[in-house]
Amino acid sequence: RRLGTRLPIDVITTHYPDADHSVLLNI
């Protein structure tokens, strides 16, 4: 919401895996 109007971002991802060793992708 903060960057969507300012930058053309297709994918946002977490930098470090969580406790389940998963990385979050927001596409």
mmCIF file of all heavy atoms, coordinates in Angstrom:
data_MODEL
# 
_entry.id   MODEL 
# 
loop_
_atom_site.group_PDB 
_atom_site.id 
_atom_site.type_symbol 
_atom_site.label_atom_id 
_atom_site.label_alt_id 
_atom_site.label_comp_id 
_atom_site.label_asym_id 
_atom_site.label_entity_id 
_atom_site.label_seq_id 
_atom_site.pdbx_PDB_ins_code 
_atom_site.Cartn_x 
_atom_site.Cartn_y 
_atom_site.Cartn_z 
_atom_site.occupancy 
_atom_site.B_iso_or_equiv 
_atom_site.pdbx_formal_charge 
_atom_site.auth_seq_id 
_atom_site.auth_comp_id 
_atom_site.auth_asym_id 
_atom_site.auth_atom_id 
_atom_site.pdbx_PDB_model_num 
ATOM 1   N N   . ARG A 1 1  ? 0.835  -1.207  0.000   1.00 0.00 ? 1  ARG A N   1 
ATOM 2   C CA  . ARG A 1 1  ? 0.000  0.000   0.000   1.00 0.00 ? 1  ARG A CA  1 
ATOM 3   C C   . ARG A 1 1  ? 0.869  1.257   0.000   1.00 0.00 ? 1  ARG A C   1 
ATOM 4   O O   . ARG A 1 1  ? 0.569  2.222   -0.692  1.00 0.00 ? 1  ARG A O   1 
ATOM 5   C CB  . ARG A 1 1  ? -0.928 0.012   1.215   1.00 0.00 ? 1  ARG A CB  1 
ATOM 6   C CG  . ARG A 1 1  ? -2.157 -0.837  1.045   1.00 0.00 ? 1  ARG A CG  1 
ATOM 7   C CD  . ARG A 1 1  ? -3.224 -0.531  2.093   1.00 0.00 ? 1  ARG A CD  1 
ATOM 8   N NE  . ARG A 1 1  ? -2.738 -0.508  3.453   1.00 0.00 ? 1  ARG A NE  1 
ATOM 9   C CZ  . ARG A 1 1  ? -2.696 -1.551  4.281   1.00 0.00 ? 1  ARG A CZ  1 
ATOM 10  N NH1 . ARG A 1 1  ? -3.130 -2.733  3.851   1.00 0.00 ? 1  ARG A NH1 1 
ATOM 11  N NH2 . ARG A 1 1  ? -2.255 -1.439  5.500   1.00 0.00 ? 1  ARG A NH2 1 
ATOM 12  N N   . ARG A 1 2  ? 1.969  1.232   0.749   1.00 0.00 ? 2  ARG A N   1 
ATOM 13  C CA  . ARG A 1 2  ? 2.841  2.415   0.839   1.00 0.00 ? 2  ARG A CA  1 
ATOM 14  C C   . ARG A 1 2  ? 3.620  2.666   -0.453  1.00 0.00 ? 2  ARG A C   1 
ATOM 15  O O   . ARG A 1 2  ? 3.781  3.804   -0.864  1.00 0.00 ? 2  ARG A O   1 
ATOM 16  C CB  . ARG A 1 2  ? 3.830  2.260   1.988   1.00 0.00 ? 2  ARG A CB  1 
ATOM 17  C CG  . ARG A 1 2  ? 3.223  2.426   3.334   1.00 0.00 ? 2  ARG A CG  1 
ATOM 18  C CD  . ARG A 1 2  ? 4.287  2.353   4.389   1.00 0.00 ? 2  ARG A CD  1 
ATOM 19  N NE  . ARG A 1 2  ? 3.705  2.394   5.712   1.00 0.00 ? 2  ARG A NE  1 
ATOM 20  C CZ  . ARG A 1 2  ? 4.392  2.219   6.825   1.00 0.00 ? 2  ARG A CZ  1 
ATOM 21  N NH1 . ARG A 1 2  ? 5.691  1.993   6.759   1.00 0.00 ? 2  ARG A NH1 1 
ATOM 22  N NH2 . ARG A 1 2  ? 3.787  2.265   7.977   1.00 0.00 ? 2  ARG A NH2 1 
ATOM 23  N N   . LEU A 1 3  ? 4.127  1.602   -1.053  1.00 0.00 ? 3  LEU A N   1 
ATOM 24  C CA  . LEU A 1 3  ? 4.995  1.773   -2.216  1.00 0.00 ? 3  LEU A CA  1 
ATOM 25  C C   . LEU A 1 3  ? 4.293  1.570   -3.550  1.00 0.00 ? 3  LEU A C   1 
ATOM 26  O O   . LEU A 1 3  ? 4.820  1.978   -4.583  1.00 0.00 ? 3  LEU A O   1 
ATOM 27  C CB  . LEU A 1 3  ? 6.175  0.796   -2.124  1.00 0.00 ? 3  LEU A CB  1 
ATOM 28  C CG  . LEU A 1 3  ? 7.118  0.995   -0.952  1.00 0.00 ? 3  LEU A CG  1 
ATOM 29  C CD1 . LEU A 1 3  ? 8.214  -0.057  -0.975  1.00 0.00 ? 3  LEU A CD1 1 
ATOM 30  C CD2 . LEU A 1 3  ? 7.709  2.389   -0.944  1.00 0.00 ? 3  LEU A CD2 1 
ATOM 31  N N   . GLY A 1 4  ? 3.129  0.947   -3.539  1.00 0.00 ? 4  GLY A N   1 
ATOM 32  C CA  . GLY A 1 4  ? 2.450  0.611   -4.782  1.00 0.00 ? 4  GLY A CA  1 
ATOM 33  C C   . GLY A 1 4  ? 2.157  1.792   -5.680  1.00 0.00 ? 4  GLY A C   1 
ATOM 34  O O   . GLY A 1 4  ? 2.177  1.673   -6.896  1.00 0.00 ? 4  GLY A O   1 
ATOM 35  N N   . THR A 1 5  ? 1.898  2.940   -5.084  1.00 0.00 ? 5  THR A N   1 
ATOM 36  C CA  . THR A 1 5  ? 1.605  4.123   -5.900  1.00 0.00 ? 5  THR A CA  1 
ATOM 37  C C   . THR A 1 5  ? 2.871  4.856   -6.316  1.00 0.00 ? 5  THR A C   1 
ATOM 38  O O   . THR A 1 5  ? 2.824  5.726   -7.171  1.00 0.00 ? 5  THR A O   1 
ATOM 39  C CB  . THR A 1 5  ? 0.694  5.093   -5.127  1.00 0.00 ? 5  THR A CB  1 
ATOM 40  O OG1 . THR A 1 5  ? 1.348  5.461   -3.911  1.00 0.00 ? 5  THR A OG1 1 
ATOM 41  C CG2 . THR A 1 5  ? -0.654 4.444   -4.835  1.00 0.00 ? 5  THR A CG2 1 
ATOM 42  N N   . ARG A 1 6  ? 3.993  4.505   -5.718  1.00 0.00 ? 6  ARG A N   1 
ATOM 43  C CA  . ARG A 1 6  ? 5.254  5.214   -5.991  1.00 0.00 ? 6  ARG A CA  1 
ATOM 44  C C   . ARG A 1 6  ? 6.216  4.433   -6.864  1.00 0.00 ? 6  ARG A C   1 
ATOM 45  O O   . ARG A 1 6  ? 6.986  5.001   -7.619  1.00 0.00 ? 6  ARG A O   1 
ATOM 46  C CB  . ARG A 1 6  ? 5.951  5.550   -4.681  1.00 0.00 ? 6  ARG A CB  1 
ATOM 47  C CG  . ARG A 1 6  ? 5.154  6.467   -3.818  1.00 0.00 ? 6  ARG A CG  1 
ATOM 48  C CD  . ARG A 1 6  ? 5.870  6.753   -2.543  1.00 0.00 ? 6  ARG A CD  1 
ATOM 49  N NE  . ARG A 1 6  ? 4.993  7.536   -1.681  1.00 0.00 ? 6  ARG A NE  1 
ATOM 50  C CZ  . ARG A 1 6  ? 5.268  7.796   -0.442  1.00 0.00 ? 6  ARG A CZ  1 
ATOM 51  N NH1 . ARG A 1 6  ? 6.368  7.334   0.102   1.00 0.00 ? 6  ARG A NH1 1 
ATOM 52  N NH2 . ARG A 1 6  ? 4.438  8.502   0.268   1.00 0.00 ? 6  ARG A NH2 1 
ATOM 53  N N   . LEU A 1 7  ? 6.208  3.110   -6.713  1.00 0.00 ? 7  LEU A N   1 
ATOM 54  C CA  . LEU A 1 7  ? 7.157  2.269   -7.437  1.00 0.00 ? 7  LEU A CA  1 
ATOM 55  C C   . LEU A 1 7  ? 6.418  1.118   -8.121  1.00 0.00 ? 7  LEU A C   1 
ATOM 56  O O   . LEU A 1 7  ? 5.485  0.564   -7.554  1.00 0.00 ? 7  LEU A O   1 
ATOM 57  C CB  . LEU A 1 7  ? 8.196  1.679   -6.470  1.00 0.00 ? 7  LEU A CB  1 
ATOM 58  C CG  . LEU A 1 7  ? 9.100  2.665   -5.747  1.00 0.00 ? 7  LEU A CG  1 
ATOM 59  C CD1 . LEU A 1 7  ? 9.917  1.935   -4.694  1.00 0.00 ? 7  LEU A CD1 1 
ATOM 60  C CD2 . LEU A 1 7  ? 10.011 3.371   -6.716  1.00 0.00 ? 7  LEU A CD2 1 
ATOM 61  N N   . PRO A 1 8  ? 6.850  0.727   -9.304  1.00 0.00 ? 8  PRO A N   1 
ATOM 62  C CA  . PRO A 1 8  ? 6.220  -0.431  -9.972  1.00 0.00 ? 8  PRO A CA  1 
ATOM 63  C C   . PRO A 1 8  ? 6.788  -1.737  -9.426  1.00 0.00 ? 8  PRO A C   1 
ATOM 64  O O   . PRO A 1 8  ? 7.691  -2.325  -9.992  1.00 0.00 ? 8  PRO A O   1 
ATOM 65  C CB  . PRO A 1 8  ? 6.595  -0.218  -11.432 1.00 0.00 ? 8  PRO A CB  1 
ATOM 66  C CG  . PRO A 1 8  ? 7.902  0.516   -11.369 1.00 0.00 ? 8  PRO A CG  1 
ATOM 67  C CD  . PRO A 1 8  ? 7.840  1.381   -10.138 1.00 0.00 ? 8  PRO A CD  1 
ATOM 68  N N   . ILE A 1 9  ? 6.270  -2.188  -8.297  1.00 0.00 ? 9  ILE A N   1 
ATOM 69  C CA  . ILE A 1 9  ? 6.776  -3.399  -7.641  1.00 0.00 ? 9  ILE A CA  1 
ATOM 70  C C   . ILE A 1 9  ? 5.833  -4.560  -7.941  1.00 0.00 ? 9  ILE A C   1 
ATOM 71  O O   . ILE A 1 9  ? 4.641  -4.481  -7.670  1.00 0.00 ? 9  ILE A O   1 
ATOM 72  C CB  . ILE A 1 9  ? 6.892  -3.196  -6.117  1.00 0.00 ? 9  ILE A CB  1 
ATOM 73  C CG1 . ILE A 1 9  ? 7.916  -2.093  -5.820  1.00 0.00 ? 9  ILE A CG1 1 
ATOM 74  C CG2 . ILE A 1 9  ? 7.271  -4.492  -5.430  1.00 0.00 ? 9  ILE A CG2 1 
ATOM 75  C CD1 . ILE A 1 9  ? 8.008  -1.741  -4.364  1.00 0.00 ? 9  ILE A CD1 1 
ATOM 76  N N   . ASP A 1 10 ? 6.390  -5.642  -8.511  1.00 0.00 ? 10 ASP A N   1 
ATOM 77  C CA  . ASP A 1 10 ? 5.587  -6.826  -8.818  1.00 0.00 ? 10 ASP A CA  1 
ATOM 78  C C   . ASP A 1 10 ? 5.611  -7.846  -7.682  1.00 0.00 ? 10 ASP A C   1 
ATOM 79  O O   . ASP A 1 10 ? 4.643  -8.537  -7.457  1.00 0.00 ? 10 ASP A O   1 
ATOM 80  C CB  . ASP A 1 10 ? 6.090  -7.502  -10.096 1.00 0.00 ? 10 ASP A CB  1 
ATOM 81  C CG  . ASP A 1 10 ? 5.894  -6.627  -11.318 1.00 0.00 ? 10 ASP A CG  1 
ATOM 82  O OD1 . ASP A 1 10 ? 4.911  -5.868  -11.347 1.00 0.00 ? 10 ASP A OD1 1 
ATOM 83  O OD2 . ASP A 1 10 ? 6.726  -6.688  -12.217 1.00 0.00 ? 10 ASP A OD2 1 
ATOM 84  N N   . VAL A 1 11 ? 6.770  -7.952  -6.987  1.00 0.00 ? 11 VAL A N   1 
ATOM 85  C CA  . VAL A 1 11 ? 6.926  -8.970  -5.946  1.00 0.00 ? 11 VAL A CA  1 
ATOM 86  C C   . VAL A 1 11 ? 7.563  -8.348  -4.714  1.00 0.00 ? 11 VAL A C   1 
ATOM 87  O O   . VAL A 1 11 ? 8.567  -7.645  -4.810  1.00 0.00 ? 11 VAL A O   1 
ATOM 88  C CB  . VAL A 1 11 ? 7.803  -10.148 -6.432  1.00 0.00 ? 11 VAL A CB  1 
ATOM 89  C CG1 . VAL A 1 11 ? 8.003  -11.165 -5.319  1.00 0.00 ? 11 VAL A CG1 1 
ATOM 90  C CG2 . VAL A 1 11 ? 7.190  -10.813 -7.650  1.00 0.00 ? 11 VAL A CG2 1 
ATOM 91  N N   . ILE A 1 12 ? 6.970  -8.611  -3.571  1.00 0.00 ? 12 ILE A N   1 
ATOM 92  C CA  . ILE A 1 12 ? 7.554  -8.253  -2.283  1.00 0.00 ? 12 ILE A CA  1 
ATOM 93  C C   . ILE A 1 12 ? 7.833  -9.574  -1.586  1.00 0.00 ? 12 ILE A C   1 
ATOM 94  O O   . ILE A 1 12 ? 6.997  -10.483 -1.587  1.00 0.00 ? 12 ILE A O   1 
ATOM 95  C CB  . ILE A 1 12 ? 6.584  -7.398  -1.441  1.00 0.00 ? 12 ILE A CB  1 
ATOM 96  C CG1 . ILE A 1 12 ? 6.325  -6.059  -2.139  1.00 0.00 ? 12 ILE A CG1 1 
ATOM 97  C CG2 . ILE A 1 12 ? 7.131  -7.184  -0.037  1.00 0.00 ? 12 ILE A CG2 1 
ATOM 98  C CD1 . ILE A 1 12 ? 5.233  -5.231  -1.480  1.00 0.00 ? 12 ILE A CD1 1 
ATOM 99  N N   . THR A 1 13 ? 8.997  -9.700  -0.991  1.00 0.00 ? 13 THR A N   1 
ATOM 100 C CA  . THR A 1 13 ? 9.356  -10.949 -0.321  1.00 0.00 ? 13 THR A CA  1 
ATOM 101 C C   . THR A 1 13 ? 10.013 -10.662 1.021   1.00 0.00 ? 13 THR A C   1 
ATOM 102 O O   . THR A 1 13 ? 10.639 -9.626  1.200   1.00 0.00 ? 13 THR A O   1 
ATOM 103 C CB  . THR A 1 13 ? 10.305 -11.792 -1.202  1.00 0.00 ? 13 THR A CB  1 
ATOM 104 O OG1 . THR A 1 13 ? 10.608 -13.006 -0.510  1.00 0.00 ? 13 THR A OG1 1 
ATOM 105 C CG2 . THR A 1 13 ? 11.595 -11.070 -1.491  1.00 0.00 ? 13 THR A CG2 1 
ATOM 106 N N   . THR A 1 14 ? 9.830  -11.587 1.956   1.00 0.00 ? 14 THR A N   1 
ATOM 107 C CA  . THR A 1 14 ? 10.542 -11.472 3.219   1.00 0.00 ? 14 THR A CA  1 
ATOM 108 C C   . THR A 1 14 ? 11.998 -11.824 2.977   1.00 0.00 ? 14 THR A C   1 
ATOM 109 O O   . THR A 1 14 ? 12.326 -12.599 2.079   1.00 0.00 ? 14 THR A O   1 
ATOM 110 C CB  . THR A 1 14 ? 9.939  -12.406 4.287   1.00 0.00 ? 14 THR A CB  1 
ATOM 111 O OG1 . THR A 1 14 ? 9.848  -13.725 3.757   1.00 0.00 ? 14 THR A OG1 1 
ATOM 112 C CG2 . THR A 1 14 ? 8.563  -11.940 4.709   1.00 0.00 ? 14 THR A CG2 1 
ATOM 113 N N   . HIS A 1 15 ? 12.863 -11.227 3.756   1.00 0.00 ? 15 HIS A N   1 
ATOM 114 C CA  . HIS A 1 15 ? 14.300 -11.416 3.549   1.00 0.00 ? 15 HIS A CA  1 
ATOM 115 C C   . HIS A 1 15 ? 14.800 -12.720 4.164   1.00 0.00 ? 15 HIS A C   1 
ATOM 116 O O   . HIS A 1 15 ? 15.667 -13.379 3.622   1.00 0.00 ? 15 HIS A O   1 
ATOM 117 C CB  . HIS A 1 15 ? 15.057 -10.225 4.131   1.00 0.00 ? 15 HIS A CB  1 
ATOM 118 C CG  . HIS A 1 15 ? 16.504 -10.192 3.777   1.00 0.00 ? 15 HIS A CG  1 
ATOM 119 N ND1 . HIS A 1 15 ? 16.938 -9.980  2.479   1.00 0.00 ? 15 HIS A ND1 1 
ATOM 120 C CD2 . HIS A 1 15 ? 17.609 -10.351 4.516   1.00 0.00 ? 15 HIS A CD2 1 
ATOM 121 C CE1 . HIS A 1 15 ? 18.259 -10.004 2.457   1.00 0.00 ? 15 HIS A CE1 1 
ATOM 122 N NE2 . HIS A 1 15 ? 18.682 -10.228 3.680   1.00 0.00 ? 15 HIS A NE2 1 
ATOM 123 N N   . TYR A 1 16 ? 14.235 -13.069 5.312   1.00 0.00 ? 16 TYR A N   1 
ATOM 124 C CA  . TYR A 1 16 ? 14.661 -14.286 6.009   1.00 0.00 ? 16 TYR A CA  1 
ATOM 125 C C   . TYR A 1 16 ? 13.505 -15.272 6.098   1.00 0.00 ? 16 TYR A C   1 
ATOM 126 O O   . TYR A 1 16 ? 12.360 -14.871 6.279   1.00 0.00 ? 16 TYR A O   1 
ATOM 127 C CB  . TYR A 1 16 ? 15.132 -13.957 7.426   1.00 0.00 ? 16 TYR A CB  1 
ATOM 128 C CG  . TYR A 1 16 ? 16.329 -13.048 7.448   1.00 0.00 ? 16 TYR A CG  1 
ATOM 129 C CD1 . TYR A 1 16 ? 16.194 -11.702 7.769   1.00 0.00 ? 16 TYR A CD1 1 
ATOM 130 C CD2 . TYR A 1 16 ? 17.586 -13.533 7.127   1.00 0.00 ? 16 TYR A CD2 1 
ATOM 131 C CE1 . TYR A 1 16 ? 17.292 -10.869 7.786   1.00 0.00 ? 16 TYR A CE1 1 
ATOM 132 C CE2 . TYR A 1 16 ? 18.688 -12.707 7.141   1.00 0.00 ? 16 TYR A CE2 1 
ATOM 133 C CZ  . TYR A 1 16 ? 18.544 -11.369 7.469   1.00 0.00 ? 16 TYR A CZ  1 
ATOM 134 O OH  . TYR A 1 16 ? 19.625 -10.551 7.476   1.00 0.00 ? 16 TYR A OH  1 
ATOM 135 N N   . PRO A 1 17 ? 13.789 -16.573 6.000   1.00 0.00 ? 17 PRO A N   1 
ATOM 136 C CA  . PRO A 1 17 ? 12.721 -17.572 6.156   1.00 0.00 ? 17 PRO A CA  1 
ATOM 137 C C   . PRO A 1 17 ? 12.136 -17.533 7.564   1.00 0.00 ? 17 PRO A C   1 
ATOM 138 O O   . PRO A 1 17 ? 12.825 -17.173 8.526   1.00 0.00 ? 17 PRO A O   1 
ATOM 139 C CB  . PRO A 1 17 ? 13.437 -18.903 5.911   1.00 0.00 ? 17 PRO A CB  1 
ATOM 140 C CG  . PRO A 1 17 ? 14.708 -18.555 5.232   1.00 0.00 ? 17 PRO A CG  1 
ATOM 141 C CD  . PRO A 1 17 ? 15.070 -17.172 5.675   1.00 0.00 ? 17 PRO A CD  1 
ATOM 142 N N   . ASP A 1 18 ? 10.872 -17.933 7.682   1.00 0.00 ? 18 ASP A N   1 
ATOM 143 C CA  . ASP A 1 18 ? 10.230 -17.994 8.986   1.00 0.00 ? 18 ASP A CA  1 
ATOM 144 C C   . ASP A 1 18 ? 10.580 -19.315 9.681   1.00 0.00 ? 18 ASP A C   1 
ATOM 145 O O   . ASP A 1 18 ? 11.446 -20.064 9.214   1.00 0.00 ? 18 ASP A O   1 
ATOM 146 C CB  . ASP A 1 18 ? 8.725  -17.794 8.853   1.00 0.00 ? 18 ASP A CB  1 
ATOM 147 C CG  . ASP A 1 18 ? 8.032  -18.879 8.044   1.00 0.00 ? 18 ASP A CG  1 
ATOM 148 O OD1 . ASP A 1 18 ? 8.656  -19.931 7.771   1.00 0.00 ? 18 ASP A OD1 1 
ATOM 149 O OD2 . ASP A 1 18 ? 6.862  -18.686 7.680   1.00 0.00 ? 18 ASP A OD2 1 
ATOM 150 N N   . ALA A 1 19 ? 9.897  -19.603 10.781  1.00 0.00 ? 19 ALA A N   1 
ATOM 151 C CA  . ALA A 1 19 ? 10.188 -20.816 11.556  1.00 0.00 ? 19 ALA A CA  1 
ATOM 152 C C   . ALA A 1 19 ? 9.945  -22.090 10.753  1.00 0.00 ? 19 ALA A C   1 
ATOM 153 O O   . ALA A 1 19 ? 10.530 -23.131 11.035  1.00 0.00 ? 19 ALA A O   1 
ATOM 154 C CB  . ALA A 1 19 ? 9.343  -20.832 12.829  1.00 0.00 ? 19 ALA A CB  1 
ATOM 155 N N   . ASP A 1 20 ? 9.086  -22.015 9.735   1.00 0.00 ? 20 ASP A N   1 
ATOM 156 C CA  . ASP A 1 20 ? 8.816  -23.175 8.875   1.00 0.00 ? 20 ASP A CA  1 
ATOM 157 C C   . ASP A 1 20 ? 9.736  -23.205 7.660   1.00 0.00 ? 20 ASP A C   1 
ATOM 158 O O   . ASP A 1 20 ? 9.511  -23.967 6.725   1.00 0.00 ? 20 ASP A O   1 
ATOM 159 C CB  . ASP A 1 20 ? 7.361  -23.159 8.402   1.00 0.00 ? 20 ASP A CB  1 
ATOM 160 C CG  . ASP A 1 20 ? 6.384  -23.308 9.544   1.00 0.00 ? 20 ASP A CG  1 
ATOM 161 O OD1 . ASP A 1 20 ? 6.700  -24.052 10.493  1.00 0.00 ? 20 ASP A OD1 1 
ATOM 162 O OD2 . ASP A 1 20 ? 5.315  -22.675 9.492   1.00 0.00 ? 20 ASP A OD2 1 
ATOM 163 N N   . HIS A 1 21 ? 10.743 -22.332 7.656   1.00 0.00 ? 21 HIS A N   1 
ATOM 164 C CA  . HIS A 1 21 ? 11.706 -22.220 6.548   1.00 0.00 ? 21 HIS A CA  1 
ATOM 165 C C   . HIS A 1 21 ? 11.043 -21.745 5.259   1.00 0.00 ? 21 HIS A C   1 
ATOM 166 O O   . HIS A 1 21 ? 11.480 -22.084 4.169   1.00 0.00 ? 21 HIS A O   1 
ATOM 167 C CB  . HIS A 1 21 ? 12.454 -23.532 6.317   1.00 0.00 ? 21 HIS A CB  1 
ATOM 168 C CG  . HIS A 1 21 ? 13.110 -24.056 7.551   1.00 0.00 ? 21 HIS A CG  1 
ATOM 169 N ND1 . HIS A 1 21 ? 14.238 -23.487 8.093   1.00 0.00 ? 21 HIS A ND1 1 
ATOM 170 C CD2 . HIS A 1 21 ? 12.775 -25.060 8.390   1.00 0.00 ? 21 HIS A CD2 1 
ATOM 171 C CE1 . HIS A 1 21 ? 14.575 -24.130 9.196   1.00 0.00 ? 21 HIS A CE1 1 
ATOM 172 N NE2 . HIS A 1 21 ? 13.703 -25.096 9.394   1.00 0.00 ? 21 HIS A NE2 1 
ATOM 173 N N   . SER A 1 22 ? 9.981  -20.976 5.401   1.00 0.00 ? 22 SER A N   1 
ATOM 174 C CA  . SER A 1 22 ? 9.273  -20.435 4.244   1.00 0.00 ? 22 SER A CA  1 
ATOM 175 C C   . SER A 1 22 ? 9.582  -18.947 4.096   1.00 0.00 ? 22 SER A C   1 
ATOM 176 O O   . SER A 1 22 ? 9.788  -18.243 5.077   1.00 0.00 ? 22 SER A O   1 
ATOM 177 C CB  . SER A 1 22 ? 7.763  -20.604 4.407   1.00 0.00 ? 22 SER A CB  1 
ATOM 178 O OG  . SER A 1 22 ? 7.432  -21.966 4.426   1.00 0.00 ? 22 SER A OG  1 
ATOM 179 N N   . VAL A 1 23 ? 9.586  -18.500 2.864   1.00 0.00 ? 23 VAL A N   1 
ATOM 180 C CA  . VAL A 1 23 ? 9.755  -17.090 2.557   1.00 0.00 ? 23 VAL A CA  1 
ATOM 181 C C   . VAL A 1 23 ? 8.429  -16.608 1.999   1.00 0.00 ? 23 VAL A C   1 
ATOM 182 O O   . VAL A 1 23 ? 7.845  -17.240 1.118   1.00 0.00 ? 23 VAL A O   1 
ATOM 183 C CB  . VAL A 1 23 ? 10.894 -16.883 1.530   1.00 0.00 ? 23 VAL A CB  1 
ATOM 184 C CG1 . VAL A 1 23 ? 10.957 -15.443 1.079   1.00 0.00 ? 23 VAL A CG1 1 
ATOM 185 C CG2 . VAL A 1 23 ? 12.224 -17.307 2.124   1.00 0.00 ? 23 VAL A CG2 1 
ATOM 186 N N   . LEU A 1 24 ? 7.941  -15.491 2.511   1.00 0.00 ? 24 LEU A N   1 
ATOM 187 C CA  . LEU A 1 24 ? 6.665  -14.954 2.071   1.00 0.00 ? 24 LEU A CA  1 
ATOM 188 C C   . LEU A 1 24 ? 6.845  -14.180 0.774   1.00 0.00 ? 24 LEU A C   1 
ATOM 189 O O   . LEU A 1 24 ? 7.749  -13.359 0.644   1.00 0.00 ? 24 LEU A O   1 
ATOM 190 C CB  . LEU A 1 24 ? 6.106  -14.014 3.145   1.00 0.00 ? 24 LEU A CB  1 
ATOM 191 C CG  . LEU A 1 24 ? 4.850  -13.244 2.778   1.00 0.00 ? 24 LEU A CG  1 
ATOM 192 C CD1 . LEU A 1 24 ? 3.663  -14.195 2.654   1.00 0.00 ? 24 LEU A CD1 1 
ATOM 193 C CD2 . LEU A 1 24 ? 4.565  -12.171 3.805   1.00 0.00 ? 24 LEU A CD2 1 
ATOM 194 N N   . LEU A 1 25 ? 5.998  -14.463 -0.206  1.00 0.00 ? 25 LEU A N   1 
ATOM 195 C CA  . LEU A 1 25 ? 5.960  -13.713 -1.462  1.00 0.00 ? 25 LEU A CA  1 
ATOM 196 C C   . LEU A 1 25 ? 4.610  -13.021 -1.562  1.00 0.00 ? 25 LEU A C   1 
ATOM 197 O O   . LEU A 1 25 ? 3.575  -13.652 -1.387  1.00 0.00 ? 25 LEU A O   1 
ATOM 198 C CB  . LEU A 1 25 ? 6.133  -14.633 -2.672  1.00 0.00 ? 25 LEU A CB  1 
ATOM 199 C CG  . LEU A 1 25 ? 7.468  -15.320 -2.844  1.00 0.00 ? 25 LEU A CG  1 
ATOM 200 C CD1 . LEU A 1 25 ? 7.420  -16.247 -4.056  1.00 0.00 ? 25 LEU A CD1 1 
ATOM 201 C CD2 . LEU A 1 25 ? 8.565  -14.307 -3.004  1.00 0.00 ? 25 LEU A CD2 1 
ATOM 202 N N   . ASN A 1 26 ? 4.635  -11.732 -1.850  1.00 0.00 ? 26 ASN A N   1 
ATOM 203 C CA  . ASN A 1 26 ? 3.434  -10.967 -2.100  1.00 0.00 ? 26 ASN A CA  1 
ATOM 204 C C   . ASN A 1 26 ? 3.534  -10.525 -3.549  1.00 0.00 ? 26 ASN A C   1 
ATOM 205 O O   . ASN A 1 26 ? 4.402  -9.738  -3.896  1.00 0.00 ? 26 ASN A O   1 
ATOM 206 C CB  . ASN A 1 26 ? 3.358  -9.783  -1.142  1.00 0.00 ? 26 ASN A CB  1 
ATOM 207 C CG  . ASN A 1 26 ? 2.131  -8.933  -1.357  1.00 0.00 ? 26 ASN A CG  1 
ATOM 208 O OD1 . ASN A 1 26 ? 2.053  -8.220  -2.356  1.00 0.00 ? 26 ASN A OD1 1 
ATOM 209 N ND2 . ASN A 1 26 ? 1.195  -8.997  -0.434  1.00 0.00 ? 26 ASN A ND2 1 
ATOM 210 N N   . ILE A 1 27 ? 2.688  -11.086 -4.411  1.00 0.00 ? 27 ILE A N   1 
ATOM 211 C CA  . ILE A 1 27 ? 2.812  -10.875 -5.852  1.00 0.00 ? 27 ILE A CA  1 
ATOM 212 C C   . ILE A 1 27 ? 1.622  -10.076 -6.368  1.00 0.00 ? 27 ILE A C   1 
ATOM 213 O O   . ILE A 1 27 ? 0.473  -10.404 -6.061  1.00 0.00 ? 27 ILE A O   1 
ATOM 214 C CB  . ILE A 1 27 ? 2.891  -12.227 -6.594  1.00 0.00 ? 27 ILE A CB  1 
ATOM 215 C CG1 . ILE A 1 27 ? 4.041  -13.061 -6.043  1.00 0.00 ? 27 ILE A CG1 1 
ATOM 216 C CG2 . ILE A 1 27 ? 3.037  -12.019 -8.087  1.00 0.00 ? 27 ILE A CG2 1 
ATOM 217 C CD1 . ILE A 1 27 ? 4.053  -14.494 -6.499  1.00 0.00 ? 27 ILE A CD1 1 
# 
